[in-house]
Structures are given as structure tokens and as C-alpha cells.
Amino acid sequence: MQKCLIIQVFGRVQGVGYRYFTRNAARIAGINGYVRNMADGSVYIEAEGDSAQLEAFTSLCRQGPPRSVVEKITISECPLMNYKVFAIK
């Protein structure tokens, strides 16, 4: 069953390639949705997939790319939007 998660990532996650890392992680995990930088320095992700895909994806999001420092992640469910791809906004 497909579901949608909102994932917010806090720490040193802007200017370190985090959005590109996230796009690649989404492709590996089979996730659709998008990622964008927020004004407060965090990264906002909407991710759609099945439970196993989302678990694999969120695990990669917790790691981040080599130059990032992920301090905190919040995850909440959201309504399905039926995204067709994973995009960087």
C-alpha cells in the first residue's frame, strides 16, 4: 500500500549536496515526490512509496551525503499526491 511522508531534515543540510543525494536515494529506493531547501536552513521532503521503500529511503536520509551533518529528522504522514517522479525544487 502506497503512503506519503513529509520528512524534514535539520542540521548542516544546505550547501552540501543534500538535495542531489536525496534525489539519488529516491531513485534507488523507488520513491516519488520532491525535495526543497527551506528558509530556516532545513530540507523538506515529500516522499511516496510503499512501507519498505520509505523505510529504506528514510534510512538514507538520516545518513545524508559525506559533507552533511544530520542533527534531527521529523517524519509525518500526508495525503497521497500520486507523484510520477522525484524532483528537486
C-alpha atoms as a PDB file:
ATOM      1  CA  MET A   1       0.000   0.000   0.000  1.00  0.00           C
ATOM      2  CA  GLN A   2       1.337   3.386  -1.003  1.00  0.00           C
ATOM      3  CA  LYS A   3       1.668   6.182   1.523  1.00  0.00           C
ATOM      4  CA  CYS A   4       3.140   9.663   1.642  1.00  0.00           C
ATOM      5  CA  LEU A   5       5.569  11.016   4.226  1.00  0.00           C
ATOM      6  CA  ILE A   6       6.744  14.530   4.968  1.00  0.00           C
ATOM      7  CA  ILE A   7      10.355  14.348   6.089  1.00  0.00           C
ATOM      8  CA  GLN A   8      12.104  17.419   7.469  1.00  0.00           C
ATOM      9  CA  VAL A   9      15.851  17.225   7.924  1.00  0.00           C
ATOM     10  CA  PHE A  10      17.734  19.619  10.206  1.00  0.00           C
ATOM     11  CA  GLY A  11      21.451  20.264  10.651  1.00  0.00           C
ATOM     12  CA  ARG A  12      24.099  21.139   8.076  1.00  0.00           C
ATOM     13  CA  VAL A  13      21.987  20.049   5.112  1.00  0.00           C
ATOM     14  CA  GLN A  14      22.136  23.015   2.749  1.00  0.00           C
ATOM     15  CA  GLY A  15      25.123  23.739   0.525  1.00  0.00           C
ATOM     16  CA  VAL A  16      26.434  20.172   0.894  1.00  0.00           C
ATOM     17  CA  GLY A  17      24.619  18.396  -1.965  1.00  0.00           C
ATOM     18  CA  TYR A  18      21.832  17.044   0.250  1.00  0.00           C
ATOM     19  CA  ARG A  19      19.040  17.576  -2.312  1.00  0.00           C
ATOM     20  CA  TYR A  20      21.006  15.762  -5.037  1.00  0.00           C
ATOM     21  CA  PHE A  21      21.844  12.969  -2.609  1.00  0.00           C
ATOM     22  CA  THR A  22      18.141  12.729  -1.756  1.00  0.00           C
ATOM     23  CA  ARG A  23      17.134  12.544  -5.427  1.00  0.00           C
ATOM     24  CA  ASN A  24      19.591   9.683  -5.991  1.00  0.00           C
ATOM     25  CA  ALA A  25      18.412   7.901  -2.823  1.00  0.00           C
ATOM     26  CA  ALA A  26      14.812   8.231  -4.042  1.00  0.00           C
ATOM     27  CA  ARG A  27      15.721   6.671  -7.383  1.00  0.00           C
ATOM     28  CA  ILE A  28      17.484   3.767  -5.638  1.00  0.00           C
ATOM     29  CA  ALA A  29      14.539   3.188  -3.276  1.00  0.00           C
ATOM     30  CA  GLY A  30      11.818   3.694  -5.927  1.00  0.00           C
ATOM     31  CA  ILE A  31      10.371   6.797  -4.251  1.00  0.00           C
ATOM     32  CA  ASN A  32       8.435   9.600  -5.972  1.00  0.00           C
ATOM     33  CA  GLY A  33       7.929  13.125  -4.612  1.00  0.00           C
ATOM     34  CA  TYR A  34      10.223  16.120  -4.188  1.00  0.00           C
ATOM     35  CA  VAL A  35      12.861  17.809  -2.050  1.00  0.00           C
ATOM     36  CA  ARG A  36      13.455  21.516  -1.430  1.00  0.00           C
ATOM     37  CA  ASN A  37      15.504  23.795   0.797  1.00  0.00           C
ATOM     38  CA  MET A  38      13.643  25.797   3.417  1.00  0.00           C
ATOM     39  CA  ALA A  39      14.370  29.343   4.592  1.00  0.00           C
ATOM     40  CA  ASP A  40      15.190  28.079   8.104  1.00  0.00           C
ATOM     41  CA  GLY A  41      18.128  26.019   6.783  1.00  0.00           C
ATOM     42  CA  SER A  42      16.309  22.675   6.835  1.00  0.00           C
ATOM     43  CA  VAL A  43      15.404  20.405   3.928  1.00  0.00           C
ATOM     44  CA  TYR A  44      11.760  19.466   3.245  1.00  0.00           C
ATOM     45  CA  ILE A  45      10.895  16.187   1.501  1.00  0.00           C
ATOM     46  CA  GLU A  46       7.593  14.713   0.357  1.00  0.00           C
ATOM     47  CA  ALA A  47       8.100  11.032  -0.395  1.00  0.00           C
ATOM     48  CA  GLU A  48       5.635   8.454  -1.729  1.00  0.00           C
ATOM     49  CA  GLY A  49       6.149   4.707  -1.844  1.00  0.00           C
ATOM     50  CA  ASP A  50       5.309   1.511  -0.014  1.00  0.00           C
ATOM     51  CA  SER A  51       6.430   0.916   3.569  1.00  0.00           C
ATOM     52  CA  ALA A  52       9.627  -0.973   2.667  1.00  0.00           C
ATOM     53  CA  GLN A  53      10.660   1.665   0.115  1.00  0.00           C
ATOM     54  CA  LEU A  54      10.002   4.508   2.552  1.00  0.00           C
ATOM     55  CA  GLU A  55      11.927   2.763   5.314  1.00  0.00           C
ATOM     56  CA  ALA A  56      14.967   2.332   3.048  1.00  0.00           C
ATOM     57  CA  PHE A  57      14.679   5.940   1.861  1.00  0.00           C
ATOM     58  CA  THR A  58      14.374   7.478   5.332  1.00  0.00           C
ATOM     59  CA  SER A  59      17.386   5.453   6.453  1.00  0.00           C
ATOM     60  CA  LEU A  60      19.429   7.031   3.642  1.00  0.00           C
ATOM     61  CA  CYS A  61      18.052  10.491   4.529  1.00  0.00           C
ATOM     62  CA  ARG A  62      19.317  10.035   8.105  1.00  0.00           C
ATOM     63  CA  GLN A  63      22.839   9.447   6.741  1.00  0.00           C
ATOM     64  CA  GLY A  64      22.972  12.223   4.135  1.00  0.00           C
ATOM     65  CA  PRO A  65      25.922  12.943   1.866  1.00  0.00           C
ATOM     66  CA  PRO A  66      29.500  12.984   3.238  1.00  0.00           C
ATOM     67  CA  ARG A  67      29.684  16.748   3.962  1.00  0.00           C
ATOM     68  CA  SER A  68      26.303  16.938   5.695  1.00  0.00           C
ATOM     69  CA  VAL A  69      25.586  16.730   9.415  1.00  0.00           C
ATOM     70  CA  VAL A  70      22.074  15.457  10.049  1.00  0.00           C
ATOM     71  CA  GLU A  71      21.092  16.519  13.556  1.00  0.00           C
ATOM     72  CA  LYS A  72      17.368  15.761  13.537  1.00  0.00           C
ATOM     73  CA  ILE A  73      14.669  14.329  11.278  1.00  0.00           C
ATOM     74  CA  THR A  74      10.924  14.670  11.737  1.00  0.00           C
ATOM     75  CA  ILE A  75       8.517  12.396   9.870  1.00  0.00           C
ATOM     76  CA  SER A  76       4.750  12.733   9.487  1.00  0.00           C
ATOM     77  CA  GLU A  77       2.188  11.271   7.116  1.00  0.00           C
ATOM     78  CA  CYS A  78       0.466  13.310   4.430  1.00  0.00           C
ATOM     79  CA  PRO A  79      -2.227  12.690   1.797  1.00  0.00           C
ATOM     80  CA  LEU A  80      -1.119  10.853  -1.353  1.00  0.00           C
ATOM     81  CA  MET A  81      -0.417  13.194  -4.265  1.00  0.00           C
ATOM     82  CA  ASN A  82       0.474  10.431  -6.775  1.00  0.00           C
ATOM     83  CA  TYR A  83       3.789  11.964  -7.823  1.00  0.00           C
ATOM     84  CA  LYS A  84       5.221  10.443 -11.016  1.00  0.00           C
ATOM     85  CA  VAL A  85       8.910  11.296 -10.424  1.00  0.00           C
ATOM     86  CA  PHE A  86      11.209  12.589  -7.696  1.00  0.00           C
ATOM     87  CA  ALA A  87      12.167  16.224  -8.289  1.00  0.00           C
ATOM     88  CA  ILE A  88      14.417  18.877  -6.799  1.00  0.00           C
ATOM     89  CA  LYS A  89      12.580  22.158  -6.264  1.00  0.00           C
END
